[in-house]
Amino acid sequence: MTPPPTGRALADAAPVPYWLDRPERPDPLPPLHGGTDTDLLVVGGGYSGLWAALLAKQDDPGRDVLLVEAGTCGWAASGRNGGFCAASLTHGLGNGVERFPDEIGVLDRLGRDNLDAIADTVAAYGIDCEFERTGELSVAVEPHQLDGLAADVDLARRFGHDVRLLDRDEVRAEVDSPTYLGGLWDRDRVAMLDPAKLAWGLRRACLDLGVRIHEHTRATGLRRDGAALRATTRGGPSGAPGADDPGPGGHGAPGSVRARRVVLATNAFPPLLRRLRAWLVPVYDYALTTEPLTAAQRESIGWRNRQGLADTGNQFHYYRLTGDGRILFGGYDAVYHYGNRMAPELAQRPATFTALAQHFFATFPQLGDVRFSHRWGGVIDTCTRFCPFFGTAYDGRLAYAAGYTGLGVGATRFGARVVLDLLGGGQTPLTRLDLVRSKPLPFPPEPLRATGIHLTRWSLARADARAGRRNLWLRTLDRLGLGFDS
């Protein structure tokens, strides 16, 4: 079957995230005007900040917790991702074994416990985020990728994971694509969910516990104030009424928060701590969703077990079924802009959307008459070890977590627990972890930063085209532990 022109399939796609384009979206909360005091200030209303606020109130219901968000809770990475909620805290077991060999067993157990705790929270607070523990199916689409799947199965079984290696016929019996040569089904360590509904549900749970939340409130500065810290803020939308993206400016009414402790949970956005800029880069990731599939279209591809899917190339695609029967199809391009640039217009990239549409129809040629309903992009934060790092500042009065590299749907809850432990000041089993005590290698300054990232992307694409063979640049990065993950 000849795939349709991608222009026709994309013609009516709305340039907004599918997850956020729903009537269930809550009305924004009022911005902060004037000054206030609090026990704990949380800066950032994505998953990291929401989990930190929720866990802080669970730990001590009498603690006053205030959260400020420059847009609305969940508008950025937390509402734009694929909805893969993984148990891994280390961006995959292989990355964890390589970087934390002496404690990967503990980290693997903590990751499983963390996923269980997310499921428990969703149930306890009645968060209707379509949480489905269906697992993830990794598929080989090139012959050289089959050896990697076999090695991944052996490693996973060493740690007691429930995994199954599928041959070509078995994987196509699960999800029918002519591109699949084999697969690995991790059956219990990945859940699928609606990411925006999770963010909105955590927001509601925080409010029910008494957390004060001010949206459209940008934290613009931070300084010492006696035994506390004082954050300056600007309150009020800086774009169109109701707009999510707060833009780069600091417009709006001034305010301030005096806080005994501060959690910094700003993801890829310019942090209030200058030191974090050396460790983080913002990378744009893109996705499409189809219109809801008809019964005949669903029958043509199978997919009855609703697993999340990802191919195993360096420049990989991730895809899954939504609750209303669409396919979300994203990944492949991971785009960095010189100088850590971020801007609202960068969330739309026609060349990437065309490439994703072409790859979609190559994967599922039987869906040649499907059209796309939404197209969007957004930034994620990445660091050179591809998994989160942690730290404190201002004599332990501020703590942060960052660098999740796309697996933050699950790992942010663990990160929030770590951050609260760090603010407590004492040693805990979590704060003693090498994962928590160590830092990734920093990215070089510009122009070396952009040059290195672009050379790495080119090299990864070249390796995919050359049966996985890594060139001298990639081998050098491997030896240094410095890299870039698509």
Protein backbone atom coordinates (compact mmCIF):
# COMPACT_ATOMS: atom_id res chain seq x y z
CA MET A 1 0.00 0.00 0.00
CA THR A 2 1.41 3.40 -0.95
CA PRO A 3 1.31 5.81 1.99
CA PRO A 4 -0.73 8.95 1.44
CA PRO A 5 0.91 12.36 1.03
CA THR A 6 1.87 13.44 4.51
CA GLY A 7 0.64 16.97 3.82
CA ARG A 8 -2.92 15.73 3.47
CA ALA A 9 -2.66 13.62 6.63
CA LEU A 10 -1.31 16.58 8.60
CA ALA A 11 -3.51 19.28 7.06
CA ASP A 12 -6.06 19.46 9.87
CA ALA A 13 -3.76 18.68 12.80
CA ALA A 14 -4.20 21.23 15.57
CA PRO A 15 -0.87 22.79 16.66
CA VAL A 16 -1.45 22.05 20.35
CA PRO A 17 -0.74 19.06 22.64
CA TYR A 18 -3.54 16.51 22.44
CA TRP A 19 -3.50 15.89 26.19
CA LEU A 20 -4.08 19.55 27.02
CA ASP A 21 -6.77 20.12 24.39
CA ARG A 22 -9.68 18.75 26.42
CA PRO A 23 -12.66 20.15 28.32
CA GLU A 24 -11.49 18.46 31.55
CA ARG A 25 -8.75 21.04 31.81
CA PRO A 26 -9.16 22.98 35.09
CA ASP A 27 -9.50 26.74 35.24
CA PRO A 28 -6.28 28.55 36.21
CA LEU A 29 -5.71 29.53 39.81
CA PRO A 30 -5.13 33.21 40.70
CA PRO A 31 -1.57 34.57 40.49
CA LEU A 32 0.25 35.73 43.59
CA HIS A 33 0.06 39.46 44.31
CA GLY A 34 1.87 41.05 47.22
CA GLY A 35 3.95 39.30 49.85
CA THR A 36 3.48 36.15 51.90
CA ASP A 37 5.40 33.79 54.19
CA THR A 38 5.50 29.99 54.05
CA ASP A 39 7.29 27.00 55.52
CA LEU A 40 8.04 25.47 52.11
CA LEU A 41 8.04 27.20 48.72
CA VAL A 42 7.89 24.94 45.65
CA VAL A 43 8.96 26.63 42.40
CA GLY A 44 7.45 24.80 39.44
CA GLY A 45 4.09 23.12 38.90
CA GLY A 46 5.10 20.13 36.81
CA TYR A 47 5.37 16.61 38.18
CA SER A 48 8.47 17.36 40.30
CA GLY A 49 6.86 20.30 42.07
CA LEU A 50 3.44 18.69 42.46
CA TRP A 51 4.89 15.51 43.94
CA ALA A 52 7.10 17.54 46.29
CA ALA A 53 4.14 19.57 47.52
CA LEU A 54 1.94 16.51 47.95
CA LEU A 55 4.57 14.45 49.80
CA ALA A 56 5.46 17.41 52.02
CA LYS A 57 1.85 17.74 53.17
CA GLN A 58 1.56 13.99 53.67
CA ASP A 59 4.72 14.08 55.82
CA ASP A 60 3.47 17.00 57.92
CA PRO A 61 -0.14 18.14 57.42
CA GLY A 62 0.55 21.21 59.54
CA ARG A 63 3.33 22.48 57.28
CA ASP A 64 2.37 25.47 55.14
CA VAL A 65 3.29 24.70 51.52
CA LEU A 66 3.04 27.22 48.70
CA LEU A 67 3.62 26.36 45.03
CA VAL A 68 4.15 28.91 42.26
CA GLU A 69 3.99 28.07 38.55
CA ALA A 70 4.85 30.44 35.70
CA GLY A 71 2.15 28.95 33.46
CA THR A 72 -0.48 26.50 34.64
CA CYS A 73 0.26 23.21 36.40
CA GLY A 74 1.25 20.55 33.89
CA TRP A 75 1.38 22.85 30.84
CA ALA A 76 4.99 22.03 29.89
CA ALA A 77 6.76 18.64 29.79
CA SER A 78 4.31 17.11 32.28
CA GLY A 79 1.39 17.64 29.89
CA ARG A 80 3.17 17.05 26.58
CA ASN A 81 4.88 13.68 27.01
CA GLY A 82 3.89 10.24 25.79
CA GLY A 83 2.48 9.02 29.10
CA PHE A 84 5.03 6.23 29.67
CA CYS A 85 5.40 5.85 33.45
CA ALA A 86 8.45 3.64 33.95
CA ALA A 87 9.89 2.04 37.06
CA SER A 88 13.45 2.86 36.01
CA LEU A 89 15.17 5.67 37.90
CA THR A 90 18.30 5.48 35.71
CA HIS A 91 16.89 5.84 32.18
CA GLY A 92 16.96 2.10 31.66
CA LEU A 93 18.65 -0.80 33.37
CA GLY A 94 21.66 -0.76 31.04
CA ASN A 95 22.43 2.88 31.76
CA GLY A 96 22.08 2.20 35.48
CA VAL A 97 24.44 -0.78 35.41
CA GLU A 98 27.03 1.26 33.53
CA ARG A 99 26.89 4.33 35.78
CA PHE A 100 25.95 2.91 39.19
CA PRO A 101 27.18 -0.70 39.17
CA ASP A 102 27.52 -0.97 42.95
CA GLU A 103 23.99 0.16 43.76
CA ILE A 104 21.92 -0.71 40.69
CA GLY A 105 20.22 -3.52 42.59
CA VAL A 106 19.00 -1.05 45.21
CA LEU A 107 18.02 1.51 42.56
CA ASP A 108 16.11 -1.12 40.63
CA ARG A 109 14.13 -2.09 43.74
CA LEU A 110 13.50 1.56 44.64
CA GLY A 111 12.21 2.17 41.12
CA ARG A 112 9.74 -0.69 41.38
CA ASP A 113 8.61 0.57 44.80
CA ASN A 114 8.21 4.05 43.34
CA LEU A 115 5.97 2.81 40.52
CA ASP A 116 3.87 0.91 43.05
CA ALA A 117 3.57 4.09 45.14
CA ILE A 118 2.36 6.07 42.12
CA ALA A 119 -0.32 3.45 41.50
CA ASP A 120 -1.32 3.63 45.17
CA THR A 121 -1.53 7.44 45.06
CA VAL A 122 -3.65 7.39 41.91
CA ALA A 123 -6.06 5.01 43.62
CA ALA A 124 -6.08 6.75 47.01
CA TYR A 125 -6.87 10.19 45.60
CA GLY A 126 -9.20 8.99 42.85
CA ILE A 127 -7.00 10.42 40.08
CA ASP A 128 -8.67 9.41 36.81
CA CYS A 129 -5.54 9.36 34.65
CA GLU A 130 -6.25 6.07 32.82
CA PHE A 131 -3.41 4.28 34.62
CA GLU A 132 -2.79 0.94 32.85
CA ARG A 133 0.05 -1.38 33.85
CA THR A 134 0.37 -2.84 30.36
CA GLY A 135 4.16 -2.81 30.08
CA GLU A 136 6.32 -1.73 27.15
CA LEU A 137 7.20 -3.56 23.95
CA SER A 138 10.62 -2.70 22.51
CA VAL A 139 10.84 -3.69 18.86
CA ALA A 140 13.77 -4.36 16.54
CA VAL A 141 13.33 -2.88 13.07
CA GLU A 142 16.85 -3.66 11.80
CA PRO A 143 18.67 -7.03 11.99
CA HIS A 144 21.51 -5.70 14.15
CA GLN A 145 19.01 -4.64 16.82
CA LEU A 146 18.04 -8.26 17.55
CA ASP A 147 21.30 -8.93 19.38
CA GLY A 148 20.63 -5.91 21.57
CA LEU A 149 17.19 -7.23 22.51
CA ALA A 150 18.65 -10.61 23.49
CA ALA A 151 21.27 -8.93 25.68
CA ASP A 152 18.59 -6.74 27.27
CA VAL A 153 16.51 -9.80 28.13
CA ASP A 154 19.47 -11.50 29.82
CA LEU A 155 20.22 -8.38 31.85
CA ALA A 156 16.59 -7.87 32.87
CA ARG A 157 16.22 -11.47 34.01
CA ARG A 158 19.32 -11.11 36.21
CA PHE A 159 17.32 -8.57 38.19
CA GLY A 160 14.10 -10.59 38.26
CA HIS A 161 12.14 -8.59 35.68
CA ASP A 162 9.12 -10.17 34.02
CA VAL A 163 10.26 -9.97 30.39
CA ARG A 164 9.58 -12.03 27.29
CA LEU A 165 11.61 -12.17 24.09
CA LEU A 166 9.42 -12.37 20.99
CA ASP A 167 10.38 -13.54 17.51
CA ARG A 168 9.07 -11.93 14.34
CA ASP A 169 5.78 -13.81 14.26
CA GLU A 170 5.17 -13.39 17.99
CA VAL A 171 5.76 -9.66 18.00
CA ARG A 172 3.52 -9.17 14.95
CA ALA A 173 0.83 -11.17 16.73
CA GLU A 174 0.93 -8.49 19.42
CA VAL A 175 1.14 -5.46 17.12
CA ASP A 176 1.19 -5.99 13.37
CA SER A 177 3.83 -3.98 11.54
CA PRO A 178 5.86 -5.28 8.58
CA THR A 179 8.88 -3.44 10.00
CA TYR A 180 9.10 -5.58 13.16
CA LEU A 181 11.77 -8.30 13.30
CA GLY A 182 11.50 -9.14 16.99
CA GLY A 183 10.56 -7.66 20.32
CA LEU A 184 11.08 -7.55 24.07
CA TRP A 185 7.99 -7.22 26.22
CA ASP A 186 8.64 -5.80 29.69
CA ARG A 187 5.33 -6.79 31.20
CA ASP A 188 5.14 -5.11 34.59
CA ARG A 189 7.62 -2.22 34.96
CA VAL A 190 5.94 0.34 32.71
CA ALA A 191 2.46 1.80 33.05
CA MET A 192 0.63 3.88 30.48
CA LEU A 193 -1.36 6.91 31.61
CA ASP A 194 -2.84 10.23 30.55
CA PRO A 195 -0.08 12.67 31.57
CA ALA A 196 -2.18 15.83 31.74
CA LYS A 197 -4.85 14.11 33.84
CA LEU A 198 -2.12 12.92 36.20
CA ALA A 199 -0.85 16.49 36.61
CA TRP A 200 -4.37 17.84 37.10
CA GLY A 201 -5.14 15.08 39.58
CA LEU A 202 -2.01 15.77 41.61
CA ARG A 203 -2.90 19.48 41.58
CA ARG A 204 -6.36 18.73 42.93
CA ALA A 205 -4.93 16.40 45.61
CA CYS A 206 -2.50 19.13 46.68
CA LEU A 207 -5.32 21.67 46.96
CA ASP A 208 -7.43 19.22 48.95
CA LEU A 209 -4.56 18.81 51.44
CA GLY A 210 -4.21 22.58 51.83
CA VAL A 211 -1.32 23.41 49.50
CA ARG A 212 -1.55 27.03 48.31
CA ILE A 213 -1.05 27.15 44.52
CA HIS A 214 -0.58 30.31 42.47
CA GLU A 215 -0.47 29.86 38.70
CA HIS A 216 0.77 32.43 36.16
CA THR A 217 3.29 33.39 38.84
CA ARG A 218 6.92 33.44 37.75
CA ALA A 219 9.71 33.30 40.34
CA THR A 220 12.18 35.90 39.11
CA GLY A 221 14.85 35.91 41.80
CA LEU A 222 16.03 34.41 45.06
CA ARG A 223 18.10 35.81 47.92
CA ARG A 224 18.85 35.24 51.59
CA ASP A 225 16.54 36.87 54.11
CA GLY A 226 17.87 36.21 57.59
CA ALA A 227 17.37 32.56 58.42
CA ALA A 228 15.05 32.15 55.42
CA LEU A 229 15.04 32.74 51.66
CA ARG A 230 13.00 35.32 49.78
CA ALA A 231 11.77 34.70 46.23
CA THR A 232 10.60 37.61 44.10
CA THR A 233 7.73 36.91 41.72
CA ARG A 234 5.72 38.40 38.90
CA GLY A 235 2.04 37.46 38.81
CA GLY A 236 -0.29 37.49 35.82
CA PRO A 237 -0.27 35.98 32.31
CA SER A 238 2.39 37.46 30.05
CA GLY A 239 0.70 36.20 26.88
CA ALA A 240 -2.90 35.98 25.71
CA PRO A 241 -5.57 35.44 28.39
CA GLY A 242 -5.50 31.83 29.48
CA ALA A 243 -2.27 31.13 27.58
CA ASP A 244 -0.11 28.39 29.03
CA ASP A 245 3.29 29.45 27.81
CA PRO A 246 4.43 32.24 30.14
CA GLY A 247 7.00 33.40 27.61
CA PRO A 248 10.41 34.79 28.49
CA GLY A 249 9.32 37.98 30.19
CA GLY A 250 8.67 38.92 33.79
CA HIS A 251 5.51 40.95 33.23
CA GLY A 252 2.75 41.22 35.79
CA ALA A 253 2.27 42.41 39.34
CA PRO A 254 5.26 42.04 41.68
CA GLY A 255 5.17 39.81 44.70
CA SER A 256 7.47 37.97 47.07
CA VAL A 257 7.55 34.83 49.20
CA ARG A 258 9.64 34.44 52.36
CA ALA A 259 10.21 30.71 52.89
CA ARG A 260 12.09 28.61 55.43
CA ARG A 261 12.84 26.04 52.72
CA VAL A 262 12.62 26.00 48.91
CA VAL A 263 12.21 23.20 46.36
CA LEU A 264 13.44 24.14 42.90
CA ALA A 265 11.55 22.08 40.28
CA THR A 266 11.89 24.03 37.02
CA ASN A 267 12.89 21.21 34.64
CA ALA A 268 14.57 22.57 31.51
CA PHE A 269 13.64 26.20 32.14
CA PRO A 270 16.26 28.77 33.19
CA PRO A 271 16.92 27.97 36.84
CA LEU A 272 17.22 30.38 39.74
CA LEU A 273 20.60 28.74 40.42
CA ARG A 274 23.21 29.67 37.82
CA ARG A 275 25.26 26.55 38.56
CA LEU A 276 22.58 24.29 37.06
CA ARG A 277 23.11 25.75 33.59
CA ALA A 278 26.35 23.80 33.16
CA TRP A 279 24.60 20.46 33.74
CA LEU A 280 21.37 20.90 31.78
CA VAL A 281 20.38 21.46 28.17
CA PRO A 282 16.80 21.88 26.89
CA VAL A 283 15.96 19.54 24.02
CA TYR A 284 12.80 19.78 21.91
CA ASP A 285 10.84 16.56 21.43
CA TYR A 286 7.86 16.24 19.03
CA ALA A 287 4.76 14.09 18.67
CA LEU A 288 1.61 13.51 16.62
CA THR A 289 -1.73 11.96 17.46
CA THR A 290 -4.11 10.41 14.98
CA GLU A 291 -7.85 10.73 14.87
CA PRO A 292 -9.59 7.90 16.79
CA LEU A 293 -9.17 4.65 14.87
CA THR A 294 -12.19 2.83 13.54
CA ALA A 295 -12.90 -0.74 14.63
CA ALA A 296 -11.56 -2.02 11.30
CA GLN A 297 -8.38 0.01 11.63
CA ARG A 298 -7.79 -1.29 15.15
CA GLU A 299 -8.36 -4.85 13.94
CA SER A 300 -5.77 -4.38 11.19
CA ILE A 301 -2.99 -3.72 13.70
CA GLY A 302 -4.07 -5.83 16.68
CA TRP A 303 -2.53 -4.18 19.75
CA ARG A 304 -5.09 -5.77 22.06
CA ASN A 305 -2.77 -5.63 25.09
CA ARG A 306 -2.25 -1.84 24.76
CA GLN A 307 1.47 -1.88 25.55
CA GLY A 308 3.59 1.18 25.05
CA LEU A 309 5.93 0.69 22.09
CA ALA A 310 9.38 1.94 21.17
CA ASP A 311 11.83 0.89 18.52
CA THR A 312 15.46 0.38 19.49
CA GLY A 313 17.28 2.73 17.15
CA ASN A 314 19.49 5.51 18.47
CA GLN A 315 16.93 7.93 17.05
CA PHE A 316 13.94 6.02 18.34
CA HIS A 317 10.19 6.43 18.10
CA TYR A 318 7.78 5.91 21.00
CA TYR A 319 4.09 5.29 20.48
CA ARG A 320 0.99 4.17 22.32
CA LEU A 321 -2.81 4.02 22.25
CA THR A 322 -4.79 6.72 24.01
CA GLY A 323 -7.93 6.09 26.03
CA ASP A 324 -10.15 7.14 23.13
CA GLY A 325 -8.40 4.92 20.58
CA ARG A 326 -5.90 7.27 18.92
CA ILE A 327 -2.25 6.51 18.30
CA LEU A 328 0.31 8.92 19.74
CA PHE A 329 3.52 8.71 17.69
CA GLY A 330 6.57 10.72 18.75
CA GLY A 331 10.31 10.89 19.15
CA TYR A 332 13.07 10.49 16.52
CA ASP A 333 14.18 14.12 16.39
CA ALA A 334 15.68 15.63 19.53
CA VAL A 335 16.48 19.24 18.67
CA TYR A 336 18.82 21.55 20.55
CA HIS A 337 18.99 25.27 19.77
CA TYR A 338 22.17 27.29 20.23
CA GLY A 339 22.58 28.95 23.59
CA ASN A 340 19.92 26.81 25.31
CA ARG A 341 17.32 28.78 23.38
CA MET A 342 13.67 28.18 24.17
CA ALA A 343 10.75 29.99 22.55
CA PRO A 344 7.04 29.23 21.99
CA GLU A 345 7.47 29.07 18.20
CA LEU A 346 10.01 26.23 18.52
CA ALA A 347 7.21 23.89 19.65
CA GLN A 348 6.14 23.69 15.98
CA ARG A 349 8.62 22.15 13.50
CA PRO A 350 7.05 21.19 10.17
CA ALA A 351 10.06 19.16 8.97
CA THR A 352 9.88 16.94 12.04
CA PHE A 353 6.12 16.48 11.77
CA THR A 354 6.50 15.44 8.13
CA ALA A 355 9.24 12.96 9.05
CA LEU A 356 7.14 11.51 11.88
CA ALA A 357 4.15 11.11 9.57
CA GLN A 358 6.30 9.32 6.98
CA HIS A 359 7.67 7.00 9.66
CA PHE A 360 4.16 6.34 10.99
CA PHE A 361 2.90 5.20 7.58
CA ALA A 362 6.01 3.07 7.04
CA THR A 363 5.32 1.40 10.39
CA PHE A 364 1.60 0.92 9.75
CA PRO A 365 0.95 0.95 5.98
CA GLN A 366 -2.48 -0.59 6.64
CA LEU A 367 -3.47 2.75 8.21
CA GLY A 368 -2.80 4.74 5.05
CA ASP A 369 -6.10 6.61 5.24
CA VAL A 370 -5.59 7.86 8.82
CA ARG A 371 -5.24 11.57 9.46
CA PHE A 372 -3.57 13.33 12.37
CA SER A 373 -5.54 15.43 14.83
CA HIS A 374 -2.74 17.13 16.81
CA ARG A 375 0.92 18.04 16.35
CA TRP A 376 3.14 19.56 19.04
CA GLY A 377 6.54 19.76 20.60
CA GLY A 378 8.13 20.89 23.84
CA VAL A 379 11.32 20.87 25.86
CA ILE A 380 12.67 18.21 28.15
CA ASP A 381 15.75 18.60 30.32
CA THR A 382 18.68 16.31 29.70
CA CYS A 383 22.09 15.85 31.28
CA THR A 384 25.15 13.83 30.30
CA ARG A 385 24.18 10.78 32.37
CA PHE A 386 20.53 10.80 31.13
CA CYS A 387 19.04 10.38 34.62
CA PRO A 388 18.30 12.82 37.44
CA PHE A 389 20.82 14.55 39.64
CA PHE A 390 20.26 16.35 42.92
CA GLY A 391 21.74 19.00 45.13
CA THR A 392 21.32 21.75 47.68
CA ALA A 393 22.20 25.45 47.96
CA TYR A 394 21.91 28.29 50.45
CA ASP A 395 23.28 26.17 53.33
CA GLY A 396 20.76 23.42 52.71
CA ARG A 397 17.70 25.69 52.64
CA LEU A 398 17.11 24.95 48.93
CA ALA A 399 17.12 21.58 47.18
CA TYR A 400 16.66 20.64 43.53
CA ALA A 401 16.27 17.69 41.17
CA ALA A 402 16.77 17.90 37.40
CA GLY A 403 17.98 16.04 34.30
CA TYR A 404 15.28 13.37 33.94
CA THR A 405 15.77 13.08 30.14
CA GLY A 406 12.28 11.99 29.22
CA LEU A 407 11.55 9.44 31.97
CA GLY A 408 10.25 11.95 34.48
CA VAL A 409 6.65 10.73 34.51
CA GLY A 410 7.66 8.11 37.05
CA ALA A 411 11.06 9.20 38.37
CA THR A 412 9.89 12.66 39.46
CA ARG A 413 8.04 11.18 42.41
CA PHE A 414 11.27 9.56 43.59
CA GLY A 415 13.09 12.83 42.92
CA ALA A 416 10.62 14.74 45.05
CA ARG A 417 11.15 12.28 47.92
CA VAL A 418 14.92 12.77 47.63
CA VAL A 419 14.61 16.56 47.61
CA LEU A 420 12.49 16.57 50.77
CA ASP A 421 15.01 14.27 52.45
CA LEU A 422 17.82 16.66 51.48
CA LEU A 423 15.91 19.60 52.97
CA GLY A 424 15.53 17.62 56.19
CA GLY A 425 19.28 17.92 56.65
CA GLY A 426 19.95 14.43 58.01
CA GLN A 427 21.34 11.31 56.39
CA THR A 428 18.72 8.94 54.98
CA PRO A 429 19.00 5.80 52.84
CA LEU A 430 18.16 7.94 49.81
CA THR A 431 20.60 10.78 50.46
CA ARG A 432 23.42 8.24 50.89
CA LEU A 433 22.95 6.91 47.36
CA ASP A 434 25.71 7.62 44.85
CA LEU A 435 22.91 8.58 42.42
CA VAL A 436 22.05 11.41 44.83
CA ARG A 437 25.55 12.40 45.95
CA SER A 438 27.20 12.47 42.50
CA LYS A 439 26.78 14.88 39.58
CA PRO A 440 26.88 14.33 35.81
CA LEU A 441 29.75 15.69 33.77
CA PRO A 442 28.97 19.26 32.70
CA PHE A 443 28.28 20.28 29.14
CA PRO A 444 30.93 22.57 27.65
CA PRO A 445 30.14 26.25 27.06
CA GLU A 446 29.04 27.57 23.67
CA PRO A 447 29.98 27.23 20.89
CA LEU A 448 31.41 23.83 21.88
CA ARG A 449 28.09 22.81 23.44
CA ALA A 450 26.07 23.18 20.23
CA THR A 451 28.88 21.77 18.07
CA GLY A 452 29.18 18.68 20.25
CA ILE A 453 25.44 18.07 20.43
CA HIS A 454 24.94 18.43 16.68
CA LEU A 455 27.94 16.19 15.93
CA THR A 456 26.53 13.59 18.31
CA ARG A 457 23.09 13.68 16.65
CA TRP A 458 24.70 13.27 13.23
CA SER A 459 26.80 10.36 14.53
CA LEU A 460 23.80 8.61 16.08
CA ALA A 461 21.87 8.85 12.81
CA ARG A 462 24.93 7.53 10.95
CA ALA A 463 25.21 4.59 13.37
CA ASP A 464 21.54 3.73 12.74
CA ALA A 465 22.25 3.70 9.00
CA ARG A 466 25.40 1.56 9.40
CA ALA A 467 24.06 -1.44 11.33
CA GLY A 468 24.75 0.19 14.68
CA ARG A 469 28.49 0.78 14.13
CA ARG A 470 29.59 3.70 16.33
CA ASN A 471 32.16 6.12 14.93
CA LEU A 472 35.21 7.50 16.72
CA TRP A 473 33.23 10.43 18.17
CA LEU A 474 30.62 8.18 19.78
CA ARG A 475 33.26 5.76 21.07
CA THR A 476 35.11 8.67 22.64
CA LEU A 477 31.94 9.90 24.33
CA ASP A 478 31.29 6.37 25.58
CA ARG A 479 34.73 6.29 27.23
CA LEU A 480 34.23 9.72 28.82
CA GLY A 481 30.69 9.02 30.02
CA LEU A 482 29.57 12.14 28.14
CA GLY A 483 26.84 11.85 25.56
CA PHE A 484 23.49 12.85 24.22
CA ASP A 485 20.40 10.64 24.12
CA SER A 486 17.79 11.03 21.41
